[in-house]
């Protein structure tokens, strides 16, 4: 049920997010029935995001959700940037962040393990390449349950050189 609700919410908010020139990174509904929180993570196409961007998205998304009202009762809307140690959610992310260290967790064991940490080698044919201490591995994109960049000096230095160094968040209490 939650999967179909989040799919519906995504189909409603994605056009607004993309229409404003942002990329939807992740959308989650957390907190249960008593205090649900809709968490939307987005970034500008150039990779940056600041508090003003979050506020702009929050207003636009709130307007869409007010009209469509897909979530019963009150909830909190959180709009944020992915941050420096961002989640990796699709093929574009694994290609863009090749060369950086990441942690990957799979839904099923791959070569006898579910957790991988190492330097990303990109993605080809739906396989994410990662060089671990134990050697190179290829992880099917569809088997990845969660992945994120590892916060280290190299990543901080790279973030400081581009628009991704800015971050932001906006939280709005919604009462439907």
C-alpha atoms as a PDB file:
ATOM      1  CA  UNK A   1       0.000   0.000   0.000  1.00  0.00           C
ATOM      2  CA  UNK A   2       2.762   2.489   0.932  1.00  0.00           C
ATOM      3  CA  UNK A   3       4.530   1.686  -2.350  1.00  0.00           C
ATOM      4  CA  UNK A   4       1.477   2.553  -4.406  1.00  0.00           C
ATOM      5  CA  UNK A   5       0.923   5.765  -2.405  1.00  0.00           C
ATOM      6  CA  UNK A   6       4.521   6.911  -2.883  1.00  0.00           C
ATOM      7  CA  UNK A   7       4.263   6.044  -6.597  1.00  0.00           C
ATOM      8  CA  UNK A   8       1.123   8.199  -6.841  1.00  0.00           C
ATOM      9  CA  UNK A   9       2.751  11.075  -4.947  1.00  0.00           C
ATOM     10  CA  UNK A  10       5.820  10.813  -7.186  1.00  0.00           C
ATOM     11  CA  UNK A  11       3.683  10.951 -10.323  1.00  0.00           C
ATOM     12  CA  UNK A  12       2.067  14.124  -8.956  1.00  0.00           C
ATOM     13  CA  UNK A  13       5.199  15.988  -7.818  1.00  0.00           C
ATOM     14  CA  UNK A  14       7.765  14.925 -10.440  1.00  0.00           C
ATOM     15  CA  UNK A  15       6.384  17.250 -13.175  1.00  0.00           C
ATOM     16  CA  UNK A  16       6.503  20.228 -10.781  1.00  0.00           C
ATOM     17  CA  UNK A  17      10.043  19.382  -9.647  1.00  0.00           C
ATOM     18  CA  UNK A  18      11.340  18.907 -13.196  1.00  0.00           C
ATOM     19  CA  UNK A  19       9.378  21.881 -14.514  1.00  0.00           C
ATOM     20  CA  UNK A  20      11.301  24.118 -12.103  1.00  0.00           C
ATOM     21  CA  UNK A  21      14.611  22.744 -13.435  1.00  0.00           C
ATOM     22  CA  UNK A  22      15.356  20.303 -10.615  1.00  0.00           C
ATOM     23  CA  UNK A  23      16.018  16.575 -10.538  1.00  0.00           C
ATOM     24  CA  UNK A  24      14.042  14.419  -8.097  1.00  0.00           C
ATOM     25  CA  UNK A  25      16.644  12.342  -6.272  1.00  0.00           C
ATOM     26  CA  UNK A  26      14.474  10.467  -3.770  1.00  0.00           C
ATOM     27  CA  UNK A  27      10.964  10.494  -2.321  1.00  0.00           C
ATOM     28  CA  UNK A  28      10.053   8.677   0.907  1.00  0.00           C
ATOM     29  CA  UNK A  29       7.108   8.515   3.278  1.00  0.00           C
ATOM     30  CA  UNK A  30       8.200   7.826   6.862  1.00  0.00           C
ATOM     31  CA  UNK A  31       6.828   8.069  10.380  1.00  0.00           C
ATOM     32  CA  UNK A  32       3.743   5.865  10.257  1.00  0.00           C
ATOM     33  CA  UNK A  33       0.075   6.815  10.456  1.00  0.00           C
ATOM     34  CA  UNK A  34       0.300   9.143  13.471  1.00  0.00           C
ATOM     35  CA  UNK A  35       3.001  11.521  12.252  1.00  0.00           C
ATOM     36  CA  UNK A  36       3.837  10.846   8.592  1.00  0.00           C
ATOM     37  CA  UNK A  37       6.624  12.779   6.905  1.00  0.00           C
ATOM     38  CA  UNK A  38       6.958  13.082   3.146  1.00  0.00           C
ATOM     39  CA  UNK A  39      10.686  13.483   2.451  1.00  0.00           C
ATOM     40  CA  UNK A  40      11.612  14.854  -0.950  1.00  0.00           C
ATOM     41  CA  UNK A  41      15.264  15.099  -1.937  1.00  0.00           C
ATOM     42  CA  UNK A  42      16.103  17.090  -5.059  1.00  0.00           C
ATOM     43  CA  UNK A  43      18.907  18.997  -6.743  1.00  0.00           C
ATOM     44  CA  UNK A  44      19.349  21.476  -9.550  1.00  0.00           C
ATOM     45  CA  UNK A  45      20.478  19.939 -12.803  1.00  0.00           C
ATOM     46  CA  UNK A  46      23.944  21.437 -12.190  1.00  0.00           C
ATOM     47  CA  UNK A  47      24.118  19.517  -8.906  1.00  0.00           C
ATOM     48  CA  UNK A  48      23.676  22.430  -6.528  1.00  0.00           C
ATOM     49  CA  UNK A  49      20.900  23.166  -4.079  1.00  0.00           C
ATOM     50  CA  UNK A  50      20.408  25.838  -1.427  1.00  0.00           C
ATOM     51  CA  UNK A  51      17.749  26.820   1.099  1.00  0.00           C
ATOM     52  CA  UNK A  52      16.012  29.143  -1.367  1.00  0.00           C
ATOM     53  CA  UNK A  53      15.765  26.271  -3.864  1.00  0.00           C
ATOM     54  CA  UNK A  54      14.235  24.077  -1.154  1.00  0.00           C
ATOM     55  CA  UNK A  55      11.709  26.790  -0.292  1.00  0.00           C
ATOM     56  CA  UNK A  56      10.783  27.236  -3.962  1.00  0.00           C
ATOM     57  CA  UNK A  57      10.239  23.493  -4.361  1.00  0.00           C
ATOM     58  CA  UNK A  58       8.327  23.271  -1.083  1.00  0.00           C
ATOM     59  CA  UNK A  59       5.851  25.947  -2.201  1.00  0.00           C
ATOM     60  CA  UNK A  60       5.348  24.350  -5.622  1.00  0.00           C
ATOM     61  CA  UNK A  61       4.949  20.830  -4.250  1.00  0.00           C
ATOM     62  CA  UNK A  62       2.617  22.012  -1.490  1.00  0.00           C
ATOM     63  CA  UNK A  63       0.349  23.601  -4.093  1.00  0.00           C
ATOM     64  CA  UNK A  64       0.171  20.333  -6.063  1.00  0.00           C
ATOM     65  CA  UNK A  65      -0.438  18.239  -2.956  1.00  0.00           C
ATOM     66  CA  UNK A  66      -3.110  20.647  -1.673  1.00  0.00           C
ATOM     67  CA  UNK A  67      -5.086  20.215  -4.904  1.00  0.00           C
ATOM     68  CA  UNK A  68      -4.607  16.450  -5.308  1.00  0.00           C
ATOM     69  CA  UNK A  69      -4.598  15.569  -1.556  1.00  0.00           C
ATOM     70  CA  UNK A  70      -3.056  12.071  -1.962  1.00  0.00           C
ATOM     71  CA  UNK A  71      -2.076  11.674   1.729  1.00  0.00           C
ATOM     72  CA  UNK A  72      -4.945  11.297   4.195  1.00  0.00           C
ATOM     73  CA  UNK A  73      -4.740  13.527   7.272  1.00  0.00           C
ATOM     74  CA  UNK A  74      -1.903  15.799   8.352  1.00  0.00           C
ATOM     75  CA  UNK A  75       1.729  15.221   7.477  1.00  0.00           C
ATOM     76  CA  UNK A  76       5.048  17.045   7.333  1.00  0.00           C
ATOM     77  CA  UNK A  77       6.711  17.859   4.020  1.00  0.00           C
ATOM     78  CA  UNK A  78      10.515  17.938   4.105  1.00  0.00           C
ATOM     79  CA  UNK A  79      12.363  19.184   1.042  1.00  0.00           C
ATOM     80  CA  UNK A  80      16.152  18.876   1.113  1.00  0.00           C
ATOM     81  CA  UNK A  81      19.290  18.592  -0.951  1.00  0.00           C
ATOM     82  CA  UNK A  82      21.055  15.233  -1.229  1.00  0.00           C
ATOM     83  CA  UNK A  83      24.018  16.577   0.766  1.00  0.00           C
ATOM     84  CA  UNK A  84      27.681  15.797   0.274  1.00  0.00           C
ATOM     85  CA  UNK A  85      27.487  12.121   1.229  1.00  0.00           C
ATOM     86  CA  UNK A  86      24.442  11.748  -0.965  1.00  0.00           C
ATOM     87  CA  UNK A  87      22.453   8.632  -1.721  1.00  0.00           C
ATOM     88  CA  UNK A  88      23.046   7.008  -5.087  1.00  0.00           C
ATOM     89  CA  UNK A  89      19.705   5.975  -6.530  1.00  0.00           C
ATOM     90  CA  UNK A  90      19.964   5.456 -10.283  1.00  0.00           C
ATOM     91  CA  UNK A  91      22.361   4.749 -13.139  1.00  0.00           C
ATOM     92  CA  UNK A  92      23.006   8.470 -13.622  1.00  0.00           C
ATOM     93  CA  UNK A  93      24.274   8.749 -10.032  1.00  0.00           C
ATOM     94  CA  UNK A  94      26.649   5.785 -10.343  1.00  0.00           C
ATOM     95  CA  UNK A  95      28.067   7.165 -13.586  1.00  0.00           C
ATOM     96  CA  UNK A  96      28.374  10.734 -12.299  1.00  0.00           C
ATOM     97  CA  UNK A  97      30.131   9.747  -9.071  1.00  0.00           C
ATOM     98  CA  UNK A  98      32.526   7.193 -10.587  1.00  0.00           C
ATOM     99  CA  UNK A  99      35.931   7.499  -8.955  1.00  0.00           C
ATOM    100  CA  UNK A 100      34.550   8.251  -5.489  1.00  0.00           C
ATOM    101  CA  UNK A 101      34.196   5.906  -2.546  1.00  0.00           C
ATOM    102  CA  UNK A 102      30.735   4.481  -1.840  1.00  0.00           C
ATOM    103  CA  UNK A 103      28.865   1.975   0.289  1.00  0.00           C
ATOM    104  CA  UNK A 104      26.381  -0.325  -1.404  1.00  0.00           C
ATOM    105  CA  UNK A 105      23.926  -2.696   0.232  1.00  0.00           C
ATOM    106  CA  UNK A 106      22.018  -5.240  -1.821  1.00  0.00           C
ATOM    107  CA  UNK A 107      18.625  -6.832  -1.279  1.00  0.00           C
ATOM    108  CA  UNK A 108      20.081 -10.285  -2.035  1.00  0.00           C
ATOM    109  CA  UNK A 109      23.601 -11.659  -1.657  1.00  0.00           C
ATOM    110  CA  UNK A 110      25.916 -11.019  -4.610  1.00  0.00           C
ATOM    111  CA  UNK A 111      28.964 -13.292  -4.670  1.00  0.00           C
ATOM    112  CA  UNK A 112      28.126 -14.306  -1.102  1.00  0.00           C
ATOM    113  CA  UNK A 113      27.815 -10.798   0.366  1.00  0.00           C
ATOM    114  CA  UNK A 114      25.339  -7.951   0.699  1.00  0.00           C
ATOM    115  CA  UNK A 115      27.600  -5.042   1.661  1.00  0.00           C
ATOM    116  CA  UNK A 116      30.249  -3.481  -0.552  1.00  0.00           C
ATOM    117  CA  UNK A 117      32.533  -0.540   0.151  1.00  0.00           C
ATOM    118  CA  UNK A 118      35.017   0.782  -2.342  1.00  0.00           C
ATOM    119  CA  UNK A 119      35.734   3.087  -5.250  1.00  0.00           C
ATOM    120  CA  UNK A 120      32.982   3.331  -7.846  1.00  0.00           C
ATOM    121  CA  UNK A 121      34.005   2.379 -11.358  1.00  0.00           C
ATOM    122  CA  UNK A 122      30.827   3.544 -13.076  1.00  0.00           C
ATOM    123  CA  UNK A 123      28.033   1.482 -14.553  1.00  0.00           C
ATOM    124  CA  UNK A 124      27.756  -0.539 -17.732  1.00  0.00           C
ATOM    125  CA  UNK A 125      25.003  -2.857 -18.884  1.00  0.00           C
ATOM    126  CA  UNK A 126      23.098  -2.387 -15.631  1.00  0.00           C
ATOM    127  CA  UNK A 127      26.105  -3.476 -13.551  1.00  0.00           C
ATOM    128  CA  UNK A 128      27.633  -1.089 -11.026  1.00  0.00           C
ATOM    129  CA  UNK A 129      31.380  -1.536 -10.789  1.00  0.00           C
ATOM    130  CA  UNK A 130      33.034  -1.109  -7.414  1.00  0.00           C
ATOM    131  CA  UNK A 131      36.654  -1.793  -6.471  1.00  0.00           C
ATOM    132  CA  UNK A 132      36.641  -3.169  -2.919  1.00  0.00           C
ATOM    133  CA  UNK A 133      39.604  -4.191  -0.754  1.00  0.00           C
ATOM    134  CA  UNK A 134      38.800  -7.780  -1.688  1.00  0.00           C
ATOM    135  CA  UNK A 135      38.890  -6.977  -5.408  1.00  0.00           C
ATOM    136  CA  UNK A 136      36.634  -5.643  -8.153  1.00  0.00           C
ATOM    137  CA  UNK A 137      32.913  -6.452  -8.049  1.00  0.00           C
ATOM    138  CA  UNK A 138      29.949  -5.903 -10.305  1.00  0.00           C
ATOM    139  CA  UNK A 139      26.607  -5.340  -8.618  1.00  0.00           C
ATOM    140  CA  UNK A 140      23.360  -5.410 -10.618  1.00  0.00           C
ATOM    141  CA  UNK A 141      21.644  -2.028 -10.298  1.00  0.00           C
ATOM    142  CA  UNK A 142      18.309  -3.755  -9.660  1.00  0.00           C
ATOM    143  CA  UNK A 143      19.753  -5.620  -6.662  1.00  0.00           C
ATOM    144  CA  UNK A 144      20.840  -2.448  -4.837  1.00  0.00           C
ATOM    145  CA  UNK A 145      18.709  -1.748  -1.756  1.00  0.00           C
ATOM    146  CA  UNK A 146      20.692   1.338  -0.766  1.00  0.00           C
ATOM    147  CA  UNK A 147      23.874   3.151  -1.711  1.00  0.00           C
ATOM    148  CA  UNK A 148      25.582   6.371  -0.724  1.00  0.00           C
ATOM    149  CA  UNK A 149      28.857   8.178  -1.085  1.00  0.00           C
ATOM    150  CA  UNK A 150      31.342   7.894   1.764  1.00  0.00           C
ATOM    151  CA  UNK A 151      32.113  11.195   3.438  1.00  0.00           C
ATOM    152  CA  UNK A 152      35.888  11.645   3.229  1.00  0.00           C
ATOM    153  CA  UNK A 153      38.409  14.399   2.492  1.00  0.00           C
ATOM    154  CA  UNK A 154      38.370  13.670  -1.246  1.00  0.00           C
ATOM    155  CA  UNK A 155      34.587  14.069  -1.450  1.00  0.00           C
ATOM    156  CA  UNK A 156      34.618  17.228   0.674  1.00  0.00           C
ATOM    157  CA  UNK A 157      37.306  18.749  -1.550  1.00  0.00           C
ATOM    158  CA  UNK A 158      35.346  17.870  -4.703  1.00  0.00           C
ATOM    159  CA  UNK A 159      32.119  19.298  -3.265  1.00  0.00           C
ATOM    160  CA  UNK A 160      33.878  22.531  -2.338  1.00  0.00           C
ATOM    161  CA  UNK A 161      34.849  23.083  -5.975  1.00  0.00           C
ATOM    162  CA  UNK A 162      31.327  22.997  -7.397  1.00  0.00           C
ATOM    163  CA  UNK A 163      27.728  24.007  -6.856  1.00  0.00           C
ATOM    164  CA  UNK A 164      27.029  20.806  -4.922  1.00  0.00           C
ATOM    165  CA  UNK A 165      28.826  22.308  -1.924  1.00  0.00           C
ATOM    166  CA  UNK A 166      25.718  24.262  -1.004  1.00  0.00           C
ATOM    167  CA  UNK A 167      22.977  22.488   0.827  1.00  0.00           C
ATOM    168  CA  UNK A 168      19.590  23.217   2.173  1.00  0.00           C
ATOM    169  CA  UNK A 169      16.392  22.000   3.729  1.00  0.00           C
ATOM    170  CA  UNK A 170      12.824  23.227   4.119  1.00  0.00           C
ATOM    171  CA  UNK A 171      10.170  21.665   6.352  1.00  0.00           C
ATOM    172  CA  UNK A 172       6.476  22.469   6.143  1.00  0.00           C
ATOM    173  CA  UNK A 173       3.709  21.063   8.351  1.00  0.00           C
ATOM    174  CA  UNK A 174       0.771  20.025   6.172  1.00  0.00           C
ATOM    175  CA  UNK A 175      -2.750  19.569   7.516  1.00  0.00           C
ATOM    176  CA  UNK A 176      -5.124  18.015   5.035  1.00  0.00           C
END
